[in-house]
Amino acid sequence: MITVQKAAELTGHSNPIFALTLSQKPDILFTGGNDKGVVEWSLKTNSFIKVMFPVISSVYAIHCPEDYPFMFTGLRNGEVLIFDFIKQQLLPGLRHHRKPVFDIKSVNSKKELLVASEDGSVSIWNMDTLQLVHTIKISADTVRAISISPNEKQVAFGCRDSNIQVYDLEDYTHIGTLSGHSMAVFSTQYSPDGSYLVTGSRDAQVKIWDTTTFELITNIPAHLFAVNHISFHPDRPYFATASMDKTIKLWGADDFKLYKVISREKGYETHFLSVNKLTWHNSQLLSTGDDKRVIIWDIAF
C-alpha cells in the first residue's frame, strides 16, 4: 500500500515552472521557468534561499553534472548559461543553438555535455574545456528529451516528430528508431538496470521499449493529456509520471501497473494546472508545473 502525504509547498515564482533539478550539494533544489531568474531552495527547511542569477528568456532545462562545479541552464533563446559554484559567478555561455534548448544531460565517462534544441540537433561539449566537440542532426524537428543509459552505452532522444532516436554513446552512431507514438515525445527515461526505456508523449501514452531489440514491450494509456515527464524512484521499483491533465501517477517498474493517482479528484491538494517536471529526493517526490508552485510529497511504500 502506497501512502502519499503533502509535506510542503514552495512558492515565489511568478510564472509557470519548466525546470526542476537537484544540486550536486545535498538538500538543494534549483527551479526555473517563464520568469526572471533561476531560484535556489533548501530542502532541509523547505524554504527559498535566493535567486541565483537573472535570465533574459524562459528556462526550459537545468542540469548539475556530477564531479563538476557547474550548473548549466538552457534558455528559450538557444543559449546555455554556465554558473560556476566555486567562483560564484556566470561564465561565458554556450552559444551555438539559435532556437530553444529543451534538455541538457552529461556523459560522465566521456566528460561530455549534450544539449538538445528545437533546431533538431544535439550539440556535444567538452566539460573540461567547455568547447564544442561536434553536433549531431537528430531530427528535422525539435529534440525535446535526452536520456542516457545507466552504463552510458546508449542515449535516447525524444523528438517532436513522434519518434525516439537511439545512438551509441561511444561514437554517436545511430542504432535505432523507436516508432509508435502519434505525437511529440516529451520524456525519455532508461530504467535503473538499463533493460528498458520508458517514453512519454503528447499523445498521453507511456510506452516501454526493450533496449536490446528496440521492440515495444507494452503500451500504457497513462493519462488524459500529454505526459510531460517521467522519473524513476532512486531505489524502489516504481516510476512517476507527470501530465498536462494535472495529475501525477505512480507505476510499478517491474509490472507496469498503476499504483497511485495523485490528483484533486482523489482528495490531494495538488497542482491545479499542468504538471511539468518531477524529481525524487530520498523518499520524497518533488513536482512542479504551470501553477508556479513546487510541491513536496512524502511517499511511503
C-alpha atoms as a PDB file:
ATOM      1  CA  MET A   1       0.000   0.000   0.000  1.00  0.00           C
ATOM      2  CA  ILE A   2       1.498   3.301  -1.094  1.00  0.00           C
ATOM      3  CA  THR A   3       0.631   6.322   1.027  1.00  0.00           C
ATOM      4  CA  VAL A   4       1.094   9.892  -0.158  1.00  0.00           C
ATOM      5  CA  GLN A   5       1.125  12.984   2.020  1.00  0.00           C
ATOM      6  CA  LYS A   6       1.822  16.576   1.075  1.00  0.00           C
ATOM      7  CA  ALA A   7       4.837  17.718   3.086  1.00  0.00           C
ATOM      8  CA  ALA A   8       5.422  21.257   1.854  1.00  0.00           C
ATOM      9  CA  GLU A   9       4.871  23.767  -0.894  1.00  0.00           C
ATOM     10  CA  LEU A  10       7.474  26.165  -2.298  1.00  0.00           C
ATOM     11  CA  THR A  11       6.078  29.389  -3.723  1.00  0.00           C
ATOM     12  CA  GLY A  12       7.640  32.516  -5.169  1.00  0.00           C
ATOM     13  CA  HIS A  13       7.813  32.049  -8.925  1.00  0.00           C
ATOM     14  CA  SER A  14       5.576  34.472 -10.773  1.00  0.00           C
ATOM     15  CA  ASN A  15       5.045  32.317 -13.874  1.00  0.00           C
ATOM     16  CA  PRO A  16       4.985  28.622 -14.903  1.00  0.00           C
ATOM     17  CA  ILE A  17       7.974  26.489 -13.873  1.00  0.00           C
ATOM     18  CA  PHE A  18       9.531  24.247 -16.535  1.00  0.00           C
ATOM     19  CA  ALA A  19      12.784  23.054 -14.900  1.00  0.00           C
ATOM     20  CA  LEU A  20      13.356  21.303 -11.562  1.00  0.00           C
ATOM     21  CA  THR A  21      16.807  19.919 -10.691  1.00  0.00           C
ATOM     22  CA  LEU A  22      18.710  18.832  -7.595  1.00  0.00           C
ATOM     23  CA  SER A  23      22.097  20.406  -6.950  1.00  0.00           C
ATOM     24  CA  GLN A  24      25.312  18.430  -6.521  1.00  0.00           C
ATOM     25  CA  LYS A  25      25.184  19.801  -2.957  1.00  0.00           C
ATOM     26  CA  PRO A  26      22.820  17.810  -0.689  1.00  0.00           C
ATOM     27  CA  ASP A  27      19.334  19.160   0.019  1.00  0.00           C
ATOM     28  CA  ILE A  28      19.492  21.979  -2.531  1.00  0.00           C
ATOM     29  CA  LEU A  29      16.981  22.389  -5.360  1.00  0.00           C
ATOM     30  CA  PHE A  30      17.026  24.686  -8.389  1.00  0.00           C
ATOM     31  CA  THR A  31      13.996  25.768 -10.398  1.00  0.00           C
ATOM     32  CA  GLY A  32      13.469  27.884 -13.487  1.00  0.00           C
ATOM     33  CA  GLY A  33      10.692  28.821 -15.844  1.00  0.00           C
ATOM     34  CA  ASN A  34       8.929  31.668 -17.530  1.00  0.00           C
ATOM     35  CA  ASP A  35      10.126  34.406 -15.175  1.00  0.00           C
ATOM     36  CA  LYS A  36      13.181  36.434 -14.299  1.00  0.00           C
ATOM     37  CA  GLY A  37      15.678  34.031 -12.717  1.00  0.00           C
ATOM     38  CA  VAL A  38      16.877  30.624 -11.550  1.00  0.00           C
ATOM     39  CA  VAL A  39      15.864  30.051  -7.921  1.00  0.00           C
ATOM     40  CA  GLU A  40      17.717  28.124  -5.189  1.00  0.00           C
ATOM     41  CA  TRP A  41      15.695  26.362  -2.459  1.00  0.00           C
ATOM     42  CA  SER A  42      16.606  24.496   0.746  1.00  0.00           C
ATOM     43  CA  LEU A  43      15.060  21.028   1.070  1.00  0.00           C
ATOM     44  CA  LYS A  44      16.179  20.897   4.712  1.00  0.00           C
ATOM     45  CA  THR A  45      13.960  23.817   5.679  1.00  0.00           C
ATOM     46  CA  ASN A  46      11.700  23.752   2.580  1.00  0.00           C
ATOM     47  CA  SER A  47      12.354  27.427   2.023  1.00  0.00           C
ATOM     48  CA  PHE A  48      13.570  29.981  -0.513  1.00  0.00           C
ATOM     49  CA  ILE A  49      17.293  30.760  -0.416  1.00  0.00           C
ATOM     50  CA  LYS A  50      17.923  33.164  -3.277  1.00  0.00           C
ATOM     51  CA  VAL A  51      17.647  33.975  -6.954  1.00  0.00           C
ATOM     52  CA  MET A  52      20.897  32.586  -8.378  1.00  0.00           C
ATOM     53  CA  PHE A  53      21.079  34.841 -11.432  1.00  0.00           C
ATOM     54  CA  PRO A  54      18.732  36.692 -13.789  1.00  0.00           C
ATOM     55  CA  VAL A  55      17.734  35.287 -17.181  1.00  0.00           C
ATOM     56  CA  ILE A  56      16.653  37.111 -20.312  1.00  0.00           C
ATOM     57  CA  SER A  57      14.314  34.398 -21.603  1.00  0.00           C
ATOM     58  CA  SER A  58      12.417  31.355 -20.315  1.00  0.00           C
ATOM     59  CA  VAL A  59      14.355  28.494 -18.711  1.00  0.00           C
ATOM     60  CA  TYR A  60      13.491  25.057 -20.141  1.00  0.00           C
ATOM     61  CA  ALA A  61      16.348  22.951 -18.717  1.00  0.00           C
ATOM     62  CA  ILE A  62      18.725  22.945 -15.742  1.00  0.00           C
ATOM     63  CA  HIS A  63      21.483  20.369 -15.305  1.00  0.00           C
ATOM     64  CA  CYS A  64      24.041  19.956 -12.499  1.00  0.00           C
ATOM     65  CA  PRO A  65      26.596  17.321 -13.573  1.00  0.00           C
ATOM     66  CA  GLU A  66      28.382  15.092 -11.088  1.00  0.00           C
ATOM     67  CA  ASP A  67      32.041  15.913 -10.378  1.00  0.00           C
ATOM     68  CA  TYR A  68      31.813  19.402 -11.894  1.00  0.00           C
ATOM     69  CA  PRO A  69      31.098  22.652 -10.004  1.00  0.00           C
ATOM     70  CA  PHE A  70      28.731  23.890 -12.708  1.00  0.00           C
ATOM     71  CA  MET A  71      25.051  24.456 -13.321  1.00  0.00           C
ATOM     72  CA  PHE A  72      24.017  24.520 -16.983  1.00  0.00           C
ATOM     73  CA  THR A  73      20.793  26.377 -17.808  1.00  0.00           C
ATOM     74  CA  GLY A  74      19.113  26.072 -21.205  1.00  0.00           C
ATOM     75  CA  LEU A  75      17.125  29.073 -22.394  1.00  0.00           C
ATOM     76  CA  ARG A  76      14.378  29.714 -24.893  1.00  0.00           C
ATOM     77  CA  ASN A  77      16.745  31.902 -26.925  1.00  0.00           C
ATOM     78  CA  GLY A  78      19.092  28.934 -27.513  1.00  0.00           C
ATOM     79  CA  GLU A  79      21.853  29.942 -25.110  1.00  0.00           C
ATOM     80  CA  VAL A  80      23.163  27.721 -22.308  1.00  0.00           C
ATOM     81  CA  LEU A  81      24.226  29.697 -19.238  1.00  0.00           C
ATOM     82  CA  ILE A  82      27.027  28.292 -17.051  1.00  0.00           C
ATOM     83  CA  PHE A  83      27.145  29.109 -13.347  1.00  0.00           C
ATOM     84  CA  ASP A  84      30.415  28.274 -11.569  1.00  0.00           C
ATOM     85  CA  PHE A  85      29.705  27.377  -7.923  1.00  0.00           C
ATOM     86  CA  ILE A  86      33.343  27.898  -6.894  1.00  0.00           C
ATOM     87  CA  LYS A  87      33.669  31.347  -8.441  1.00  0.00           C
ATOM     88  CA  GLN A  88      30.018  32.097  -7.614  1.00  0.00           C
ATOM     89  CA  GLN A  89      29.502  33.726 -10.982  1.00  0.00           C
ATOM     90  CA  LEU A  90      28.318  33.119 -14.517  1.00  0.00           C
ATOM     91  CA  LEU A  91      30.950  32.041 -17.038  1.00  0.00           C
ATOM     92  CA  PRO A  92      30.689  32.835 -20.757  1.00  0.00           C
ATOM     93  CA  GLY A  93      27.685  30.869 -22.032  1.00  0.00           C
ATOM     94  CA  LEU A  94      27.483  28.160 -24.677  1.00  0.00           C
ATOM     95  CA  ARG A  95      26.251  29.993 -27.755  1.00  0.00           C
ATOM     96  CA  HIS A  96      25.557  27.608 -30.591  1.00  0.00           C
ATOM     97  CA  HIS A  97      21.833  26.972 -30.924  1.00  0.00           C
ATOM     98  CA  ARG A  98      19.581  29.746 -32.242  1.00  0.00           C
ATOM     99  CA  LYS A  99      16.360  28.058 -31.133  1.00  0.00           C
ATOM    100  CA  PRO A 100      15.150  26.948 -27.666  1.00  0.00           C
ATOM    101  CA  VAL A 101      17.161  24.421 -25.641  1.00  0.00           C
ATOM    102  CA  PHE A 102      14.837  21.785 -24.155  1.00  0.00           C
ATOM    103  CA  ASP A 103      17.145  19.341 -22.389  1.00  0.00           C
ATOM    104  CA  ILE A 104      20.719  19.028 -21.120  1.00  0.00           C
ATOM    105  CA  LYS A 105      22.457  15.865 -19.890  1.00  0.00           C
ATOM    106  CA  SER A 106      26.063  14.824 -19.213  1.00  0.00           C
ATOM    107  CA  VAL A 107      28.015  11.673 -20.046  1.00  0.00           C
ATOM    108  CA  ASN A 108      30.324  11.378 -17.055  1.00  0.00           C
ATOM    109  CA  SER A 109      32.601   8.697 -18.526  1.00  0.00           C
ATOM    110  CA  LYS A 110      33.298  10.877 -21.561  1.00  0.00           C
ATOM    111  CA  LYS A 111      33.245  14.235 -19.755  1.00  0.00           C
ATOM    112  CA  GLU A 112      30.780  15.470 -22.343  1.00  0.00           C
ATOM    113  CA  LEU A 113      27.658  17.587 -22.188  1.00  0.00           C
ATOM    114  CA  LEU A 114      24.707  17.005 -24.540  1.00  0.00           C
ATOM    115  CA  VAL A 115      22.362  19.889 -25.407  1.00  0.00           C
ATOM    116  CA  ALA A 116      19.064  19.270 -27.262  1.00  0.00           C
ATOM    117  CA  SER A 117      17.384  22.011 -29.258  1.00  0.00           C
ATOM    118  CA  GLU A 118      14.300  22.941 -31.236  1.00  0.00           C
ATOM    119  CA  ASP A 119      16.577  23.122 -34.298  1.00  0.00           C
ATOM    120  CA  GLY A 120      16.560  19.288 -34.405  1.00  0.00           C
ATOM    121  CA  SER A 121      20.201  18.915 -33.410  1.00  0.00           C
ATOM    122  CA  VAL A 122      22.157  17.940 -30.303  1.00  0.00           C
ATOM    123  CA  SER A 123      25.409  19.741 -29.604  1.00  0.00           C
ATOM    124  CA  ILE A 124      28.180  17.941 -27.699  1.00  0.00           C
ATOM    125  CA  TRP A 125      30.561  19.894 -25.470  1.00  0.00           C
ATOM    126  CA  ASN A 126      33.755  19.011 -23.592  1.00  0.00           C
ATOM    127  CA  MET A 127      33.069  19.727 -19.914  1.00  0.00           C
ATOM    128  CA  ASP A 128      36.736  20.342 -19.113  1.00  0.00           C
ATOM    129  CA  THR A 129      37.262  22.975 -21.800  1.00  0.00           C
ATOM    130  CA  LEU A 130      33.598  23.996 -22.345  1.00  0.00           C
ATOM    131  CA  GLN A 131      34.312  23.876 -26.076  1.00  0.00           C
ATOM    132  CA  LEU A 132      32.044  22.459 -28.782  1.00  0.00           C
ATOM    133  CA  VAL A 133      33.148  18.970 -29.862  1.00  0.00           C
ATOM    134  CA  HIS A 134      30.561  18.284 -32.550  1.00  0.00           C
ATOM    135  CA  THR A 135      26.895  18.482 -33.460  1.00  0.00           C
ATOM    136  CA  ILE A 136      24.528  15.665 -34.454  1.00  0.00           C
ATOM    137  CA  LYS A 137      21.466  16.276 -36.593  1.00  0.00           C
ATOM    138  CA  ILE A 138      18.886  14.069 -34.899  1.00  0.00           C
ATOM    139  CA  SER A 139      15.618  15.142 -36.500  1.00  0.00           C
ATOM    140  CA  ALA A 140      14.063  17.564 -38.960  1.00  0.00           C
ATOM    141  CA  ASP A 141      12.101  18.870 -35.985  1.00  0.00           C
ATOM    142  CA  THR A 142      12.598  19.598 -32.264  1.00  0.00           C
ATOM    143  CA  VAL A 143      14.574  17.307 -29.927  1.00  0.00           C
ATOM    144  CA  ARG A 144      12.663  17.525 -26.636  1.00  0.00           C
ATOM    145  CA  ALA A 145      14.299  14.994 -24.319  1.00  0.00           C
ATOM    146  CA  ILE A 146      17.580  13.197 -23.658  1.00  0.00           C
ATOM    147  CA  SER A 147      18.082  10.035 -21.599  1.00  0.00           C
ATOM    148  CA  ILE A 148      21.426   8.324 -21.067  1.00  0.00           C
ATOM    149  CA  SER A 149      21.513   4.627 -20.176  1.00  0.00           C
ATOM    150  CA  PRO A 150      22.948   3.751 -16.729  1.00  0.00           C
ATOM    151  CA  ASN A 151      26.021   2.109 -18.277  1.00  0.00           C
ATOM    152  CA  GLU A 152      26.475   5.141 -20.554  1.00  0.00           C
ATOM    153  CA  LYS A 153      26.444   2.991 -23.683  1.00  0.00           C
ATOM    154  CA  GLN A 154      23.244   4.373 -25.229  1.00  0.00           C
ATOM    155  CA  VAL A 155      21.432   7.680 -25.454  1.00  0.00           C
ATOM    156  CA  ALA A 156      17.783   8.110 -26.430  1.00  0.00           C
ATOM    157  CA  PHE A 157      16.404  11.338 -27.877  1.00  0.00           C
ATOM    158  CA  GLY A 158      12.682  12.079 -27.789  1.00  0.00           C
ATOM    159  CA  CYS A 159      11.584  14.139 -30.782  1.00  0.00           C
ATOM    160  CA  ARG A 160       8.638  16.268 -31.784  1.00  0.00           C
ATOM    161  CA  ASP A 161       8.097  14.131 -34.895  1.00  0.00           C
ATOM    162  CA  SER A 162       6.855  11.347 -32.509  1.00  0.00           C
ATOM    163  CA  ASN A 163       9.982   9.187 -32.862  1.00  0.00           C
ATOM    164  CA  ILE A 164      12.705   8.246 -30.395  1.00  0.00           C
ATOM    165  CA  GLN A 165      16.192   8.095 -31.895  1.00  0.00           C
ATOM    166  CA  VAL A 166      18.762   5.878 -30.168  1.00  0.00           C
ATOM    167  CA  TYR A 167      22.509   6.412 -30.558  1.00  0.00           C
ATOM    168  CA  ASP A 168      25.632   4.565 -29.456  1.00  0.00           C
ATOM    169  CA  LEU A 169      27.438   6.817 -26.981  1.00  0.00           C
ATOM    170  CA  GLU A 170      30.887   5.517 -27.871  1.00  0.00           C
ATOM    171  CA  ASP A 171      30.947   7.016 -31.358  1.00  0.00           C
ATOM    172  CA  TYR A 172      27.475   8.619 -31.683  1.00  0.00           C
ATOM    173  CA  THR A 173      26.362   6.291 -34.439  1.00  0.00           C
ATOM    174  CA  HIS A 174      22.616   5.829 -34.922  1.00  0.00           C
ATOM    175  CA  ILE A 175      21.478   2.389 -33.765  1.00  0.00           C
ATOM    176  CA  GLY A 176      17.695   2.515 -33.707  1.00  0.00           C
ATOM    177  CA  THR A 177      14.438   4.394 -34.294  1.00  0.00           C
ATOM    178  CA  LEU A 178      11.520   3.702 -31.973  1.00  0.00           C
ATOM    179  CA  SER A 179       8.239   4.495 -33.700  1.00  0.00           C
ATOM    180  CA  GLY A 180       4.796   4.169 -32.160  1.00  0.00           C
ATOM    181  CA  HIS A 181       3.796   7.417 -30.534  1.00  0.00           C
ATOM    182  CA  SER A 182       1.385   9.535 -32.575  1.00  0.00           C
ATOM    183  CA  MET A 183       2.537  12.921 -31.253  1.00  0.00           C
ATOM    184  CA  ALA A 184       5.648  14.655 -29.877  1.00  0.00           C
ATOM    185  CA  VAL A 185       7.749  12.698 -27.346  1.00  0.00           C
ATOM    186  CA  PHE A 186       8.277  14.860 -24.253  1.00  0.00           C
ATOM    187  CA  SER A 187      10.162  12.489 -21.930  1.00  0.00           C
ATOM    188  CA  THR A 188      12.563   9.547 -22.236  1.00  0.00           C
ATOM    189  CA  GLN A 189      13.935   7.614 -19.243  1.00  0.00           C
ATOM    190  CA  TYR A 190      16.047   4.456 -19.070  1.00  0.00           C
ATOM    191  CA  SER A 191      15.166   2.012 -16.310  1.00  0.00           C
ATOM    192  CA  PRO A 192      17.753   1.804 -13.484  1.00  0.00           C
ATOM    193  CA  ASP A 193      19.061  -1.522 -14.839  1.00  0.00           C
ATOM    194  CA  GLY A 194      19.056  -0.238 -18.417  1.00  0.00           C
ATOM    195  CA  SER A 195      16.958  -3.123 -19.745  1.00  0.00           C
ATOM    196  CA  TYR A 196      14.121  -0.929 -20.963  1.00  0.00           C
ATOM    197  CA  LEU A 197      13.302   2.638 -21.934  1.00  0.00           C
ATOM    198  CA  VAL A 198      10.142   4.468 -20.875  1.00  0.00           C
ATOM    199  CA  THR A 199       8.821   7.222 -23.122  1.00  0.00           C
ATOM    200  CA  GLY A 200       6.008   9.714 -22.597  1.00  0.00           C
ATOM    201  CA  SER A 201       4.286  11.694 -25.293  1.00  0.00           C
ATOM    202  CA  ARG A 202       1.836  14.419 -26.070  1.00  0.00           C
ATOM    203  CA  ASP A 203      -0.455  11.578 -27.154  1.00  0.00           C
ATOM    204  CA  ALA A 204      -0.951  10.776 -23.397  1.00  0.00           C
ATOM    205  CA  GLN A 205       0.636   7.328 -23.817  1.00  0.00           C
ATOM    206  CA  VAL A 206       3.570   5.788 -21.949  1.00  0.00           C
ATOM    207  CA  LYS A 207       5.489   3.189 -23.913  1.00  0.00           C
ATOM    208  CA  ILE A 208       8.028   0.644 -22.647  1.00  0.00           C
ATOM    209  CA  TRP A 209      10.764  -0.403 -25.090  1.00  0.00           C
ATOM    210  CA  ASP A 210      13.358  -3.172 -24.916  1.00  0.00           C
ATOM    211  CA  THR A 211      16.817  -1.568 -25.161  1.00  0.00           C
ATOM    212  CA  THR A 212      18.404  -4.589 -26.845  1.00  0.00           C
ATOM    213  CA  THR A 213      15.849  -5.435 -29.516  1.00  0.00           C
ATOM    214  CA  PHE A 214      14.194  -1.950 -29.606  1.00  0.00           C
ATOM    215  CA  GLU A 215      10.832  -3.715 -29.678  1.00  0.00           C
ATOM    216  CA  LEU A 216       7.791  -2.352 -27.859  1.00  0.00           C
ATOM    217  CA  ILE A 217       7.194  -4.269 -24.616  1.00  0.00           C
ATOM    218  CA  THR A 218       3.936  -2.609 -23.651  1.00  0.00           C
ATOM    219  CA  ASN A 219       1.832   0.492 -24.161  1.00  0.00           C
ATOM    220  CA  ILE A 220       0.114   2.223 -21.225  1.00  0.00           C
ATOM    221  CA  PRO A 221      -2.779   4.649 -21.850  1.00  0.00           C
ATOM    222  CA  ALA A 222      -1.365   6.600 -18.915  1.00  0.00           C
ATOM    223  CA  HIS A 223      -3.067   9.998 -18.858  1.00  0.00           C
ATOM    224  CA  LEU A 224      -5.838  12.092 -20.397  1.00  0.00           C
ATOM    225  CA  PHE A 225      -3.429  14.627 -21.869  1.00  0.00           C
ATOM    226  CA  ALA A 226       0.305  14.952 -22.578  1.00  0.00           C
ATOM    227  CA  VAL A 227       2.831  13.044 -20.471  1.00  0.00           C
ATOM    228  CA  ASN A 228       5.330  15.788 -19.656  1.00  0.00           C
ATOM    229  CA  HIS A 229       7.874  13.924 -17.548  1.00  0.00           C
ATOM    230  CA  ILE A 230       8.888  10.518 -16.173  1.00  0.00           C
ATOM    231  CA  SER A 231      11.078   9.903 -13.117  1.00  0.00           C
ATOM    232  CA  PHE A 232      12.269   6.612 -11.557  1.00  0.00           C
ATOM    233  CA  HIS A 233      12.449   6.208  -7.791  1.00  0.00           C
ATOM    234  CA  PRO A 234      16.152   6.019  -6.809  1.00  0.00           C
ATOM    235  CA  ASP A 235      15.956   2.616  -5.072  1.00  0.00           C
ATOM    236  CA  ARG A 236      12.397   1.258  -5.185  1.00  0.00           C
ATOM    237  CA  PRO A 237      10.755  -0.435  -8.217  1.00  0.00           C
ATOM    238  CA  TYR A 238       8.467   2.463  -9.161  1.00  0.00           C
ATOM    239  CA  PHE A 239       8.388   5.384 -11.537  1.00  0.00           C
ATOM    240  CA  ALA A 240       6.250   8.514 -11.576  1.00  0.00           C
ATOM    241  CA  THR A 241       4.645  10.319 -14.491  1.00  0.00           C
ATOM    242  CA  ALA A 242       3.554  13.962 -14.682  1.00  0.00           C
ATOM    243  CA  SER A 243       0.869  15.159 -17.046  1.00  0.00           C
ATOM    244  CA  MET A 244      -0.812  18.137 -18.567  1.00  0.00           C
ATOM    245  CA  ASP A 245      -4.004  16.615 -17.105  1.00  0.00           C
ATOM    246  CA  LYS A 246      -2.856  17.969 -13.669  1.00  0.00           C
ATOM    247  CA  THR A 247      -2.155  14.521 -12.212  1.00  0.00           C
ATOM    248  CA  ILE A 248       0.874  12.578 -11.013  1.00  0.00           C
ATOM    249  CA  LYS A 249       0.773   8.787 -11.236  1.00  0.00           C
ATOM    250  CA  LEU A 250       2.967   6.112  -9.641  1.00  0.00           C
ATOM    251  CA  TRP A 251       3.614   2.916 -11.606  1.00  0.00           C
ATOM    252  CA  GLY A 252       5.376  -0.366 -10.908  1.00  0.00           C
ATOM    253  CA  ALA A 253       8.750  -0.504 -12.628  1.00  0.00           C
ATOM    254  CA  ASP A 254       8.595  -4.304 -12.733  1.00  0.00           C
ATOM    255  CA  ASP A 255       4.931  -4.936 -13.607  1.00  0.00           C
ATOM    256  CA  PHE A 256       3.950  -1.543 -15.164  1.00  0.00           C
ATOM    257  CA  LYS A 257       0.757  -1.457 -13.087  1.00  0.00           C
ATOM    258  CA  LEU A 258      -0.792   1.750 -11.784  1.00  0.00           C
ATOM    259  CA  TYR A 259      -0.383   2.019  -8.006  1.00  0.00           C
ATOM    260  CA  LYS A 260      -1.333   5.598  -7.115  1.00  0.00           C
ATOM    261  CA  VAL A 261      -3.012   8.639  -8.622  1.00  0.00           C
ATOM    262  CA  ILE A 262      -2.193  11.996  -7.042  1.00  0.00           C
ATOM    263  CA  SER A 263      -4.995  14.304  -8.136  1.00  0.00           C
ATOM    264  CA  ARG A 264      -7.570  16.684  -6.755  1.00  0.00           C
ATOM    265  CA  GLU A 265     -10.258  14.176  -7.664  1.00  0.00           C
ATOM    266  CA  LYS A 266      -8.538  11.694  -5.316  1.00  0.00           C
ATOM    267  CA  GLY A 267      -8.530  14.226  -2.478  1.00  0.00           C
ATOM    268  CA  TYR A 268      -4.970  15.539  -2.733  1.00  0.00           C
ATOM    269  CA  GLU A 269      -4.157  19.252  -2.589  1.00  0.00           C
ATOM    270  CA  THR A 270      -2.075  19.015  -5.724  1.00  0.00           C
ATOM    271  CA  HIS A 271      -1.454  21.119  -8.809  1.00  0.00           C
ATOM    272  CA  PHE A 272      -4.418  22.770 -10.493  1.00  0.00           C
ATOM    273  CA  LEU A 273      -2.642  23.221 -13.845  1.00  0.00           C
ATOM    274  CA  SER A 274      -0.219  21.150 -15.964  1.00  0.00           C
ATOM    275  CA  VAL A 275       2.441  19.217 -14.009  1.00  0.00           C
ATOM    276  CA  ASN A 276       5.674  19.756 -15.928  1.00  0.00           C
ATOM    277  CA  LYS A 277       8.585  18.166 -14.046  1.00  0.00           C
ATOM    278  CA  LEU A 278       9.337  15.618 -11.315  1.00  0.00           C
ATOM    279  CA  THR A 279      12.370  14.599  -9.308  1.00  0.00           C
ATOM    280  CA  TRP A 280      12.956  12.288  -6.347  1.00  0.00           C
ATOM    281  CA  HIS A 281      14.777  13.471  -3.231  1.00  0.00           C
ATOM    282  CA  ASN A 282      15.294  10.481  -0.931  1.00  0.00           C
ATOM    283  CA  SER A 283      11.767   9.204  -0.203  1.00  0.00           C
ATOM    284  CA  GLN A 284      10.134  12.425  -1.311  1.00  0.00           C
ATOM    285  CA  LEU A 285       8.740  13.230  -4.740  1.00  0.00           C
ATOM    286  CA  LEU A 286       9.017  16.834  -5.913  1.00  0.00           C
ATOM    287  CA  SER A 287       6.652  18.155  -8.573  1.00  0.00           C
ATOM    288  CA  THR A 288       6.206  21.465 -10.338  1.00  0.00           C
ATOM    289  CA  GLY A 289       4.213  22.990 -13.148  1.00  0.00           C
ATOM    290  CA  ASP A 290       2.215  25.792 -14.664  1.00  0.00           C
ATOM    291  CA  ASP A 291       0.668  26.825 -11.318  1.00  0.00           C
ATOM    292  CA  LYS A 292       4.063  28.330 -10.281  1.00  0.00           C
ATOM    293  CA  ARG A 293       4.498  26.016  -7.287  1.00  0.00           C
ATOM    294  CA  VAL A 294       6.811  23.214  -6.208  1.00  0.00           C
ATOM    295  CA  ILE A 295       5.047  20.567  -4.121  1.00  0.00           C
ATOM    296  CA  ILE A 296       6.977  18.136  -1.910  1.00  0.00           C
ATOM    297  CA  TRP A 297       5.304  14.768  -1.334  1.00  0.00           C
ATOM    298  CA  ASP A 298       6.140  12.192   1.331  1.00  0.00           C
ATOM    299  CA  ILE A 299       5.766   8.792  -0.341  1.00  0.00           C
ATOM    300  CA  ALA A 300       5.710   5.635   1.796  1.00  0.00           C
ATOM    301  CA  PHE A 301       5.783   2.217   0.136  1.00  0.00           C
END
